Amino acid sequence: IKSYQGESFFSGFDFHTGPDKNSWDVNYMANRPEMAFVDPGTKVTHLKIGNLVNNRIEAVKLQSKDSFGPGLFIFDVLKIPTGGGTWPAIWLNGVGRWPDAGEIDIIEGVNDATRNSFVIHTGRVNKCTALDIDTMKSKQTGDLPQTKDCTEQPGCAVKAKTENSYGKPFNNNNGGV
């Protein structure tokens, strides 16, 4: 069992720095106390966006120092950043080059989204496709993927049906586990 919380939270992560490799207008910042900190009173971890500098928004991107095999992952999220230019997410990546190593997006949305997207990305090497849509209808609690092909973008995305699974409604509900 591994837990990341309180004052030791950041010791389990590396900060990405520099421009986003996908050419988004983002510049990832090193550990800056005004953007990434643990509140000493509540022990809650805060990650914030910064200023617009040279047409790039300052942001925080963390990657776990640890690698994990199959298991149960529990995330307790109190608030999700919202508004123009935000793209907060929690995802799991395989080891190796993206997208061939795979990616599972557990929490993802952009700007003022109110419904969470659960997404699977795979490359052409370990190609994955969604089940037959008729089979999925009886097994899914969200809106079905737009495509059956999970390779690269946009991946196989299931959109939560509940309007409080992301963004401001999620925050107003005091987050979720």
Protein backbone atom coordinates (compact mmCIF):
# COMPACT_ATOMS: atom_id res chain seq x y z
CA ILE A 1 0.00 0.00 0.00
CA LYS A 2 1.34 3.41 -1.00
CA SER A 3 -0.15 6.69 0.15
CA TYR A 4 0.60 10.21 -1.04
CA GLN A 5 -0.84 12.78 1.34
CA GLY A 6 -0.10 15.69 3.63
CA GLU A 7 3.30 17.31 3.93
CA SER A 8 5.14 14.39 2.27
CA PHE A 9 2.87 14.39 -0.82
CA PHE A 10 5.37 16.01 -3.21
CA SER A 11 8.25 13.72 -2.20
CA GLY A 12 6.56 10.96 -4.23
CA PHE A 13 6.49 12.94 -7.49
CA ASP A 14 8.72 14.56 -10.09
CA PHE A 15 7.75 17.94 -11.55
CA HIS A 16 7.78 18.18 -15.33
CA THR A 17 9.39 21.40 -16.54
CA GLY A 18 9.42 23.29 -19.81
CA PRO A 19 6.99 23.52 -22.73
CA ASP A 20 4.40 20.78 -23.22
CA LYS A 21 5.73 18.12 -25.62
CA ASN A 22 2.41 18.08 -27.50
CA SER A 23 2.77 21.77 -28.39
CA TRP A 24 -0.10 22.92 -26.18
CA ASP A 25 0.34 26.48 -25.02
CA VAL A 26 1.57 25.32 -21.61
CA ASN A 27 4.83 25.77 -19.78
CA TYR A 28 5.26 23.29 -16.91
CA MET A 29 6.88 24.78 -13.85
CA ALA A 30 9.27 23.32 -11.31
CA ASN A 31 8.12 23.12 -7.71
CA ARG A 32 6.99 26.69 -7.02
CA PRO A 33 5.35 27.26 -3.63
CA GLU A 34 2.66 29.56 -5.03
CA MET A 35 1.54 26.87 -7.51
CA ALA A 36 2.09 23.59 -5.67
CA PHE A 37 1.84 23.39 -1.90
CA VAL A 38 0.34 21.56 1.05
CA ASP A 39 -1.77 23.72 3.37
CA PRO A 40 -0.14 23.33 6.81
CA GLY A 41 -3.47 23.61 8.63
CA THR A 42 -5.66 21.27 6.57
CA LYS A 43 -2.88 19.08 5.04
CA VAL A 44 -4.69 19.44 1.68
CA THR A 45 -2.47 19.45 -1.44
CA HIS A 46 -3.03 22.41 -3.81
CA LEU A 47 -2.02 22.52 -7.48
CA LYS A 48 -2.75 25.79 -9.27
CA ILE A 49 -2.28 27.36 -12.66
CA GLY A 50 -0.07 30.41 -12.91
CA ASN A 51 0.23 33.37 -15.22
CA LEU A 52 0.19 33.71 -18.98
CA VAL A 53 3.83 34.30 -19.98
CA ASN A 54 4.89 34.55 -23.65
CA ASN A 55 1.49 33.12 -24.71
CA ARG A 56 1.94 30.03 -22.52
CA ILE A 57 0.04 29.34 -19.31
CA GLU A 58 2.16 28.27 -16.35
CA ALA A 59 0.96 24.91 -15.04
CA VAL A 60 1.94 22.00 -12.80
CA LYS A 61 2.39 18.45 -14.11
CA LEU A 62 3.43 15.71 -11.71
CA GLN A 63 4.58 12.16 -12.41
CA SER A 64 4.87 9.51 -9.74
CA LYS A 65 8.40 8.40 -8.93
CA ASP A 66 6.97 4.92 -8.31
CA SER A 67 5.81 2.34 -10.82
CA PHE A 68 2.91 0.05 -10.09
CA GLY A 69 1.59 -3.21 -11.45
CA PRO A 70 -2.06 -4.21 -11.51
CA GLY A 71 -3.96 -3.08 -8.44
CA LEU A 72 -6.61 -0.91 -6.89
CA PHE A 73 -5.97 2.83 -7.10
CA ILE A 74 -7.94 5.22 -4.89
CA PHE A 75 -7.85 8.97 -5.40
CA ASP A 76 -9.48 11.36 -2.94
CA VAL A 77 -10.00 14.63 -4.82
CA LEU A 78 -11.51 17.63 -3.05
CA LYS A 79 -11.48 20.14 -5.92
CA ILE A 80 -10.73 20.17 -9.64
CA PRO A 81 -9.43 23.34 -11.35
CA THR A 82 -11.98 24.86 -13.74
CA GLY A 83 -12.14 27.64 -16.28
CA GLY A 84 -10.63 28.50 -19.62
CA GLY A 85 -7.29 26.85 -20.30
CA THR A 86 -7.54 24.18 -17.59
CA TRP A 87 -7.09 20.47 -18.35
CA PRO A 88 -6.75 18.70 -15.00
CA ALA A 89 -6.44 14.93 -15.16
CA ILE A 90 -5.37 11.83 -13.29
CA TRP A 91 -4.13 9.07 -15.54
CA LEU A 92 -2.08 5.89 -15.53
CA ASN A 93 0.55 5.23 -18.22
CA GLY A 94 2.29 2.04 -19.21
CA VAL A 95 6.09 1.94 -19.40
CA GLY A 96 7.39 2.99 -22.79
CA ARG A 97 6.45 5.31 -25.61
CA TRP A 98 2.98 6.83 -25.72
CA PRO A 99 0.53 5.72 -26.96
CA ASP A 100 1.94 2.21 -27.57
CA ALA A 101 2.43 1.63 -23.83
CA GLY A 102 -1.19 2.62 -23.16
CA GLU A 103 -2.93 5.22 -21.03
CA ILE A 104 -6.01 5.09 -18.82
CA ASP A 105 -7.55 8.46 -17.96
CA ILE A 106 -9.40 8.16 -14.65
CA ILE A 107 -10.34 11.82 -14.29
CA GLU A 108 -10.16 14.16 -17.27
CA GLY A 109 -11.92 17.20 -18.64
CA VAL A 110 -11.18 20.64 -20.02
CA ASN A 111 -12.24 24.20 -19.30
CA ASP A 112 -15.71 24.24 -17.68
CA ALA A 113 -16.65 20.57 -18.23
CA THR A 114 -19.10 19.15 -15.69
CA ARG A 115 -19.02 15.47 -16.72
CA ASN A 116 -15.91 13.33 -16.27
CA SER A 117 -14.35 11.45 -19.18
CA PHE A 118 -12.89 7.97 -18.64
CA VAL A 119 -10.58 7.29 -21.59
CA ILE A 120 -8.38 4.45 -22.84
CA HIS A 121 -5.60 5.17 -25.33
CA THR A 122 -3.56 2.45 -27.00
CA GLY A 123 -1.14 2.47 -29.87
CA ARG A 124 -1.12 0.36 -32.97
CA VAL A 125 1.32 -2.12 -31.36
CA ASN A 126 -1.02 -3.17 -28.54
CA LYS A 127 -4.18 -2.13 -30.33
CA CYS A 128 -7.35 -2.15 -28.27
CA THR A 129 -10.89 -1.71 -29.49
CA ALA A 130 -14.10 -1.09 -27.57
CA LEU A 131 -16.62 -3.89 -27.29
CA ASP A 132 -19.52 -4.08 -29.68
CA ILE A 133 -21.75 -1.08 -28.94
CA ASP A 134 -24.86 -3.25 -28.36
CA THR A 135 -22.92 -5.34 -25.81
CA MET A 136 -21.63 -2.19 -24.11
CA LYS A 137 -25.10 -0.65 -23.70
CA SER A 138 -26.00 -3.17 -21.02
CA LYS A 139 -22.68 -2.81 -19.18
CA GLN A 140 -21.91 0.93 -19.24
CA THR A 141 -23.18 3.60 -16.87
CA GLY A 142 -21.89 6.46 -19.03
CA ASP A 143 -22.32 7.69 -22.58
CA LEU A 144 -20.60 5.31 -24.98
CA PRO A 145 -17.38 6.02 -26.89
CA GLN A 146 -17.56 7.97 -30.13
CA THR A 147 -15.22 5.43 -31.71
CA LYS A 148 -14.36 1.76 -31.21
CA ASP A 149 -10.69 2.35 -32.09
CA CYS A 150 -8.75 3.25 -28.92
CA THR A 151 -5.49 4.02 -30.70
CA GLU A 152 -3.98 7.44 -30.11
CA GLN A 153 -6.46 10.35 -30.18
CA PRO A 154 -9.23 10.61 -29.18
CA GLY A 155 -9.08 7.14 -27.61
CA CYS A 156 -12.15 5.30 -26.33
CA ALA A 157 -13.91 7.76 -24.07
CA VAL A 158 -16.89 7.06 -21.85
CA LYS A 159 -18.50 10.26 -20.59
CA ALA A 160 -20.10 10.10 -17.13
CA LYS A 161 -23.84 10.75 -17.16
CA THR A 162 -23.83 12.63 -13.87
CA GLU A 163 -23.41 16.40 -14.13
CA ASN A 164 -21.43 16.58 -10.86
CA SER A 165 -18.61 14.21 -11.77
CA TYR A 166 -16.24 17.00 -12.84
CA GLY A 167 -15.61 20.73 -12.59
CA LYS A 168 -17.63 23.23 -10.56
CA PRO A 169 -20.49 20.83 -9.68
CA PHE A 170 -17.90 18.28 -8.48
CA ASN A 171 -16.24 20.98 -6.36
CA ASN A 172 -19.60 22.15 -4.97
CA ASN A 173 -20.22 18.54 -3.89
CA ASN A 174 -16.91 18.58 -1.91
CA GLY A 175 -15.20 16.36 -4.46
CA GLY A 176 -15.19 12.61 -4.46
CA VAL A 177 -13.24 9.40 -4.00
